[in-house]
């Protein structure tokens, strides 16, 4: 499998397998999700920071938090 990578400022979306959306976390290593921090499957997301497999993102609704690279997809 090819390793996925993203650049800061890149627009991405939620992987199709996460059809109910993804939950953002406060810290890259934190397992607790942000209350009301769900990014919906059809939202556009901008990459703010990348640390290994952890990615800090902002959604079109202004939600900011951490998720993992495997939950995101590049736009074609």
PDB file of N, CA and C in Angstrom:
ATOM      1  N   UNK A   1       0.838  -1.183   0.000  1.00  0.00           N
ATOM      2  CA  UNK A   1       0.000   0.000   0.000  1.00  0.00           C
ATOM      3  C   UNK A   1       0.882   1.244   0.000  1.00  0.00           C
ATOM      4  N   UNK A   2       0.520   2.212  -0.803  1.00  0.00           N
ATOM      5  CA  UNK A   2       1.273   3.453  -0.890  1.00  0.00           C
ATOM      6  C   UNK A   2       0.985   4.350   0.301  1.00  0.00           C
ATOM      7  N   UNK A   3       2.034   4.920   0.876  1.00  0.00           N
ATOM      8  CA  UNK A   3       1.870   5.822   2.016  1.00  0.00           C
ATOM      9  C   UNK A   3       1.239   7.127   1.561  1.00  0.00           C
ATOM     10  N   UNK A   4       0.247   7.546   2.267  1.00  0.00           N
ATOM     11  CA  UNK A   4      -0.459   8.790   1.992  1.00  0.00           C
ATOM     12  C   UNK A   4       0.300   9.941   2.626  1.00  0.00           C
ATOM     13  N   UNK A   5       0.351  11.072   1.961  1.00  0.00           N
ATOM     14  CA  UNK A   5       0.951  12.257   2.578  1.00  0.00           C
ATOM     15  C   UNK A   5       0.167  13.489   2.135  1.00  0.00           C
ATOM     16  N   UNK A   6       0.180  14.476   2.992  1.00  0.00           N
ATOM     17  CA  UNK A   6      -0.539  15.719   2.721  1.00  0.00           C
ATOM     18  C   UNK A   6       0.387  16.891   2.980  1.00  0.00           C
ATOM     19  N   UNK A   7       0.124  17.995   2.311  1.00  0.00           N
ATOM     20  CA  UNK A   7       0.899  19.219   2.498  1.00  0.00           C
ATOM     21  C   UNK A   7       0.068  20.239   3.263  1.00  0.00           C
ATOM     22  N   UNK A   8       0.739  21.077   4.033  1.00  0.00           N
ATOM     23  CA  UNK A   8       0.058  22.168   4.734  1.00  0.00           C
ATOM     24  C   UNK A   8      -0.609  23.054   3.687  1.00  0.00           C
ATOM     25  N   UNK A   9      -1.864  23.392   3.940  1.00  0.00           N
ATOM     26  CA  UNK A   9      -2.635  24.229   3.026  1.00  0.00           C
ATOM     27  C   UNK A   9      -3.426  23.443   1.998  1.00  0.00           C
ATOM     28  N   UNK A  10      -3.196  22.143   1.924  1.00  0.00           N
ATOM     29  CA  UNK A  10      -3.902  21.307   0.950  1.00  0.00           C
ATOM     30  C   UNK A  10      -5.358  21.096   1.370  1.00  0.00           C
ATOM     31  N   UNK A  11      -6.249  21.097   0.400  1.00  0.00           N
ATOM     32  CA  UNK A  11      -7.658  20.792   0.648  1.00  0.00           C
ATOM     33  C   UNK A  11      -7.867  19.302   0.481  1.00  0.00           C
ATOM     34  N   UNK A  12      -8.507  18.684   1.460  1.00  0.00           N
ATOM     35  CA  UNK A  12      -8.751  17.243   1.458  1.00  0.00           C
ATOM     36  C   UNK A  12     -10.193  16.987   1.875  1.00  0.00           C
ATOM     37  N   UNK A  13     -10.569  15.710   1.866  1.00  0.00           N
ATOM     38  CA  UNK A  13     -11.900  15.315   2.301  1.00  0.00           C
ATOM     39  C   UNK A  13     -11.811  14.102   3.207  1.00  0.00           C
ATOM     40  N   UNK A  14     -12.961  13.619   3.641  1.00  0.00           N
ATOM     41  CA  UNK A  14     -13.048  12.446   4.507  1.00  0.00           C
ATOM     42  C   UNK A  14     -13.060  11.200   3.623  1.00  0.00           C
ATOM     43  N   UNK A  15     -12.275  10.185   4.003  1.00  0.00           N
ATOM     44  CA  UNK A  15     -12.248   8.913   3.271  1.00  0.00           C
ATOM     45  C   UNK A  15     -13.677   8.373   3.148  1.00  0.00           C
ATOM     46  N   UNK A  16     -14.044   7.793   2.011  1.00  0.00           N
ATOM     47  CA  UNK A  16     -15.395   7.256   1.824  1.00  0.00           C
ATOM     48  C   UNK A  16     -15.799   6.202   2.852  1.00  0.00           C
ATOM     49  N   UNK A  17     -14.859   5.457   3.414  1.00  0.00           N
ATOM     50  CA  UNK A  17     -15.185   4.451   4.422  1.00  0.00           C
ATOM     51  C   UNK A  17     -15.739   5.044   5.709  1.00  0.00           C
ATOM     52  N   UNK A  18     -15.508   6.331   5.922  1.00  0.00           N
ATOM     53  CA  UNK A  18     -16.022   7.020   7.114  1.00  0.00           C
ATOM     54  C   UNK A  18     -17.284   7.781   6.710  1.00  0.00           C
ATOM     55  N   UNK A  19     -18.313   7.033   6.313  1.00  0.00           N
ATOM     56  CA  UNK A  19     -19.500   7.643   5.726  1.00  0.00           C
ATOM     57  C   UNK A  19     -20.363   8.412   6.714  1.00  0.00           C
ATOM     58  N   UNK A  20     -20.058   8.336   8.008  1.00  0.00           N
ATOM     59  CA  UNK A  20     -20.775   9.165   8.983  1.00  0.00           C
ATOM     60  C   UNK A  20     -19.909  10.346   9.427  1.00  0.00           C
ATOM     61  N   UNK A  21     -18.715  10.448   8.872  1.00  0.00           N
ATOM     62  CA  UNK A  21     -17.811  11.541   9.226  1.00  0.00           C
ATOM     63  C   UNK A  21     -16.698  11.082  10.150  1.00  0.00           C
ATOM     64  N   UNK A  22     -15.868  12.025  10.564  1.00  0.00           N
ATOM     65  CA  UNK A  22     -14.760  11.745  11.480  1.00  0.00           C
ATOM     66  C   UNK A  22     -14.855  12.700  12.667  1.00  0.00           C
ATOM     67  N   UNK A  23     -14.244  12.296  13.779  1.00  0.00           N
ATOM     68  CA  UNK A  23     -14.223  13.125  14.983  1.00  0.00           C
ATOM     69  C   UNK A  23     -12.824  13.697  15.178  1.00  0.00           C
ATOM     70  N   UNK A  24     -12.738  14.979  15.486  1.00  0.00           N
ATOM     71  CA  UNK A  24     -11.458  15.630  15.728  1.00  0.00           C
ATOM     72  C   UNK A  24     -11.099  15.576  17.204  1.00  0.00           C
ATOM     73  N   UNK A  25      -9.796  15.599  17.474  1.00  0.00           N
ATOM     74  CA  UNK A  25      -9.264  15.551  18.838  1.00  0.00           C
ATOM     75  C   UNK A  25      -8.507  16.834  19.141  1.00  0.00           C
ATOM     76  N   UNK A  26      -8.390  17.159  20.419  1.00  0.00           N
ATOM     77  CA  UNK A  26      -7.698  18.392  20.822  1.00  0.00           C
ATOM     78  C   UNK A  26      -6.191  18.324  20.593  1.00  0.00           C
ATOM     79  N   UNK A  27      -5.591  17.182  20.904  1.00  0.00           N
ATOM     80  CA  UNK A  27      -4.150  17.006  20.790  1.00  0.00           C
ATOM     81  C   UNK A  27      -3.867  15.847  19.852  1.00  0.00           C
ATOM     82  N   UNK A  28      -2.700  15.852  19.215  1.00  0.00           N
ATOM     83  CA  UNK A  28      -2.384  14.784  18.271  1.00  0.00           C
ATOM     84  C   UNK A  28      -2.367  13.408  18.919  1.00  0.00           C
ATOM     85  N   UNK A  29      -2.002  13.345  20.201  1.00  0.00           N
ATOM     86  CA  UNK A  29      -1.906  12.059  20.884  1.00  0.00           C
ATOM     87  C   UNK A  29      -3.134  11.749  21.747  1.00  0.00           C
ATOM     88  N   UNK A  30      -4.102  12.640  21.754  1.00  0.00           N
ATOM     89  CA  UNK A  30      -5.280  12.526  22.616  1.00  0.00           C
ATOM     90  C   UNK A  30      -6.324  11.611  21.986  1.00  0.00           C
ATOM     91  N   UNK A  31      -6.910  10.751  22.773  1.00  0.00           N
ATOM     92  CA  UNK A  31      -7.974   9.880  22.274  1.00  0.00           C
ATOM     93  C   UNK A  31      -9.360  10.463  22.524  1.00  0.00           C
ATOM     94  N   UNK A  32      -9.458  11.493  23.345  1.00  0.00           N
ATOM     95  CA  UNK A  32     -10.757  12.113  23.627  1.00  0.00           C
ATOM     96  C   UNK A  32     -11.124  13.077  22.505  1.00  0.00           C
ATOM     97  N   UNK A  33     -12.313  12.913  21.976  1.00  0.00           N
ATOM     98  CA  UNK A  33     -12.744  13.770  20.872  1.00  0.00           C
ATOM     99  C   UNK A  33     -13.252  15.104  21.398  1.00  0.00           C
ATOM    100  N   UNK A  34     -13.220  16.108  20.538  1.00  0.00           N
ATOM    101  CA  UNK A  34     -13.754  17.428  20.861  1.00  0.00           C
ATOM    102  C   UNK A  34     -15.282  17.340  20.814  1.00  0.00           C
ATOM    103  N   UNK A  35     -15.921  17.863  21.847  1.00  0.00           N
ATOM    104  CA  UNK A  35     -17.383  17.876  21.863  1.00  0.00           C
ATOM    105  C   UNK A  35     -17.873  18.628  20.624  1.00  0.00           C
ATOM    106  N   UNK A  36     -18.821  18.055  19.907  1.00  0.00           N
ATOM    107  CA  UNK A  36     -19.337  18.624  18.663  1.00  0.00           C
ATOM    108  C   UNK A  36     -18.241  18.791  17.624  1.00  0.00           C
ATOM    109  N   UNK A  37     -17.198  17.947  17.683  1.00  0.00           N
ATOM    110  CA  UNK A  37     -16.079  18.048  16.758  1.00  0.00           C
ATOM    111  C   UNK A  37     -16.151  17.080  15.598  1.00  0.00           C
ATOM    112  N   UNK A  38     -17.340  16.766  15.149  1.00  0.00           N
ATOM    113  CA  UNK A  38     -17.488  15.829  14.034  1.00  0.00           C
ATOM    114  C   UNK A  38     -17.450  16.569  12.704  1.00  0.00           C
ATOM    115  N   UNK A  39     -16.583  16.100  11.813  1.00  0.00           N
ATOM    116  CA  UNK A  39     -16.505  16.628  10.455  1.00  0.00           C
ATOM    117  C   UNK A  39     -17.323  15.699   9.571  1.00  0.00           C
ATOM    118  N   UNK A  40     -18.260  16.237   8.852  1.00  0.00           N
ATOM    119  CA  UNK A  40     -19.165  15.452   8.024  1.00  0.00           C
ATOM    120  C   UNK A  40     -18.467  14.956   6.760  1.00  0.00           C
ATOM    121  N   UNK A  41     -18.945  13.865   6.183  1.00  0.00           N
ATOM    122  CA  UNK A  41     -18.266  13.246   5.042  1.00  0.00           C
ATOM    123  C   UNK A  41     -18.128  14.149   3.819  1.00  0.00           C
ATOM    124  N   UNK A  42     -19.038  15.089   3.637  1.00  0.00           N
ATOM    125  CA  UNK A  42     -18.998  15.937   2.434  1.00  0.00           C
ATOM    126  C   UNK A  42     -18.308  17.286   2.656  1.00  0.00           C
ATOM    127  N   UNK A  43     -17.716  17.493   3.823  1.00  0.00           N
ATOM    128  CA  UNK A  43     -17.037  18.758   4.105  1.00  0.00           C
ATOM    129  C   UNK A  43     -15.651  18.805   3.472  1.00  0.00           C
ATOM    130  N   UNK A  44     -15.246  20.001   3.092  1.00  0.00           N
ATOM    131  CA  UNK A  44     -13.876  20.231   2.645  1.00  0.00           C
ATOM    132  C   UNK A  44     -13.050  20.584   3.871  1.00  0.00           C
ATOM    133  N   UNK A  45     -11.836  20.067   3.910  1.00  0.00           N
ATOM    134  CA  UNK A  45     -10.953  20.234   5.062  1.00  0.00           C
ATOM    135  C   UNK A  45      -9.624  20.790   4.567  1.00  0.00           C
ATOM    136  N   UNK A  46      -9.035  21.716   5.324  1.00  0.00           N
ATOM    137  CA  UNK A  46      -7.711  22.223   4.973  1.00  0.00           C
ATOM    138  C   UNK A  46      -6.702  21.684   5.993  1.00  0.00           C
ATOM    139  N   UNK A  47      -5.555  21.243   5.500  1.00  0.00           N
ATOM    140  CA  UNK A  47      -4.486  20.713   6.351  1.00  0.00           C
ATOM    141  C   UNK A  47      -3.712  21.875   6.960  1.00  0.00           C
ATOM    142  N   UNK A  48      -3.606  21.904   8.291  1.00  0.00           N
ATOM    143  CA  UNK A  48      -2.889  22.961   8.996  1.00  0.00           C
ATOM    144  C   UNK A  48      -1.492  22.546   9.435  1.00  0.00           C
ATOM    145  N   UNK A  49      -1.339  21.258   9.773  1.00  0.00           N
ATOM    146  CA  UNK A  49      -0.065  20.767  10.303  1.00  0.00           C
ATOM    147  C   UNK A  49      -0.035  19.248  10.152  1.00  0.00           C
ATOM    148  N   UNK A  50       1.153  18.707   9.913  1.00  0.00           N
ATOM    149  CA  UNK A  50       1.324  17.258   9.800  1.00  0.00           C
ATOM    150  C   UNK A  50       2.454  16.842  10.732  1.00  0.00           C
ATOM    151  N   UNK A  51       2.169  15.868  11.595  1.00  0.00           N
ATOM    152  CA  UNK A  51       3.171  15.294  12.507  1.00  0.00           C
ATOM    153  C   UNK A  51       3.066  13.783  12.427  1.00  0.00           C
ATOM    154  N   UNK A  52       3.898  13.183  11.604  1.00  0.00           N
ATOM    155  CA  UNK A  52       3.821  11.739  11.404  1.00  0.00           C
ATOM    156  C   UNK A  52       2.488  11.385  10.792  1.00  0.00           C
ATOM    157  N   UNK A  53       1.730  10.510  11.448  1.00  0.00           N
ATOM    158  CA  UNK A  53       0.410  10.107  10.965  1.00  0.00           C
ATOM    159  C   UNK A  53      -0.709  11.032  11.457  1.00  0.00           C
ATOM    160  N   UNK A  54      -0.379  11.947  12.382  1.00  0.00           N
ATOM    161  CA  UNK A  54      -1.376  12.884  12.912  1.00  0.00           C
ATOM    162  C   UNK A  54      -1.435  14.129  12.027  1.00  0.00           C
ATOM    163  N   UNK A  55      -2.657  14.594  11.770  1.00  0.00           N
ATOM    164  CA  UNK A  55      -2.865  15.746  10.907  1.00  0.00           C
ATOM    165  C   UNK A  55      -3.800  16.725  11.613  1.00  0.00           C
ATOM    166  N   UNK A  56      -3.357  17.974  11.747  1.00  0.00           N
ATOM    167  CA  UNK A  56      -4.223  19.017  12.308  1.00  0.00           C
ATOM    168  C   UNK A  56      -4.943  19.665  11.141  1.00  0.00           C
ATOM    169  N   UNK A  57      -6.255  19.765  11.263  1.00  0.00           N
ATOM    170  CA  UNK A  57      -7.080  20.239  10.158  1.00  0.00           C
ATOM    171  C   UNK A  57      -8.094  21.273  10.630  1.00  0.00           C
ATOM    172  N   UNK A  58      -8.657  21.983   9.654  1.00  0.00           N
ATOM    173  CA  UNK A  58      -9.782  22.892   9.894  1.00  0.00           C
ATOM    174  C   UNK A  58     -10.856  22.561   8.863  1.00  0.00           C
ATOM    175  N   UNK A  59     -12.084  22.451   9.333  1.00  0.00           N
ATOM    176  CA  UNK A  59     -13.191  22.142   8.422  1.00  0.00           C
ATOM    177  C   UNK A  59     -13.813  23.440   7.914  1.00  0.00           C
ATOM    178  N   UNK A  60     -14.676  23.306   6.932  1.00  0.00           N
ATOM    179  CA  UNK A  60     -15.357  24.479   6.379  1.00  0.00           C
ATOM    180  C   UNK A  60     -16.281  25.150   7.395  1.00  0.00           C
ATOM    181  N   UNK A  61     -16.645  24.410   8.462  1.00  0.00           N
ATOM    182  CA  UNK A  61     -17.487  25.006   9.515  1.00  0.00           C
ATOM    183  C   UNK A  61     -16.658  25.604  10.637  1.00  0.00           C
ATOM    184  N   UNK A  62     -15.333  25.635  10.478  1.00  0.00           N
ATOM    185  CA  UNK A  62     -14.475  26.267  11.473  1.00  0.00           C
ATOM    186  C   UNK A  62     -14.004  25.352  12.584  1.00  0.00           C
ATOM    187  N   UNK A  63     -14.278  24.054  12.490  1.00  0.00           N
ATOM    188  CA  UNK A  63     -13.784  23.113  13.497  1.00  0.00           C
ATOM    189  C   UNK A  63     -12.296  22.878  13.271  1.00  0.00           C
ATOM    190  N   UNK A  64     -11.504  22.971  14.335  1.00  0.00           N
ATOM    191  CA  UNK A  64     -10.065  22.748  14.241  1.00  0.00           C
ATOM    192  C   UNK A  64      -9.686  21.656  15.228  1.00  0.00           C
ATOM    193  N   UNK A  65      -8.909  20.694  14.765  1.00  0.00           N
ATOM    194  CA  UNK A  65      -8.471  19.619  15.645  1.00  0.00           C
ATOM    195  C   UNK A  65      -7.612  18.628  14.889  1.00  0.00           C
ATOM    196  N   UNK A  66      -7.287  17.537  15.587  1.00  0.00           N
ATOM    197  CA  UNK A  66      -6.395  16.509  15.053  1.00  0.00           C
ATOM    198  C   UNK A  66      -7.169  15.281  14.618  1.00  0.00           C
ATOM    199  N   UNK A  67      -6.697  14.658  13.553  1.00  0.00           N
ATOM    200  CA  UNK A  67      -7.188  13.367  13.107  1.00  0.00           C
ATOM    201  C   UNK A  67      -5.986  12.593  12.580  1.00  0.00           C
ATOM    202  N   UNK A  68      -6.242  11.430  11.976  1.00  0.00           N
ATOM    203  CA  UNK A  68      -5.143  10.630  11.433  1.00  0.00           C
ATOM    204  C   UNK A  68      -5.200  10.629   9.919  1.00  0.00           C
ATOM    205  N   UNK A  69      -4.042  10.515   9.313  1.00  0.00           N
ATOM    206  CA  UNK A  69      -3.891  10.568   7.862  1.00  0.00           C
ATOM    207  C   UNK A  69      -4.796   9.575   7.157  1.00  0.00           C
ATOM    208  N   UNK A  70      -4.963   8.378   7.724  1.00  0.00           N
ATOM    209  CA  UNK A  70      -5.755   7.347   7.037  1.00  0.00           C
ATOM    210  C   UNK A  70      -7.236   7.663   6.984  1.00  0.00           C
ATOM    211  N   UNK A  71      -7.682   8.704   7.664  1.00  0.00           N
ATOM    212  CA  UNK A  71      -9.089   9.090   7.642  1.00  0.00           C
ATOM    213  C   UNK A  71      -9.379  10.144   6.564  1.00  0.00           C
ATOM    214  N   UNK A  72      -8.330  10.598   5.892  1.00  0.00           N
ATOM    215  CA  UNK A  72      -8.461  11.678   4.912  1.00  0.00           C
ATOM    216  C   UNK A  72      -8.148  11.185   3.511  1.00  0.00           C
ATOM    217  N   UNK A  73      -8.695  11.879   2.529  1.00  0.00           N
ATOM    218  CA  UNK A  73      -8.408  11.563   1.128  1.00  0.00           C
ATOM    219  C   UNK A  73      -8.058  12.839   0.381  1.00  0.00           C
ATOM    220  N   UNK A  74      -7.214  12.681  -0.623  1.00  0.00           N
ATOM    221  CA  UNK A  74      -6.905  13.795  -1.516  1.00  0.00           C
ATOM    222  C   UNK A  74      -8.038  13.931  -2.522  1.00  0.00           C
ATOM    223  N   UNK A  75      -8.271  15.154  -2.942  1.00  0.00           N
ATOM    224  CA  UNK A  75      -9.235  15.359  -4.020  1.00  0.00           C
ATOM    225  C   UNK A  75      -8.563  15.050  -5.345  1.00  0.00           C
ATOM    226  N   UNK A  76      -9.323  14.477  -6.265  1.00  0.00           N
ATOM    227  CA  UNK A  76      -8.780  14.164  -7.603  1.00  0.00           C
ATOM    228  C   UNK A  76      -8.644  15.416  -8.434  1.00  0.00           C
TER     229      UNK A  76
END
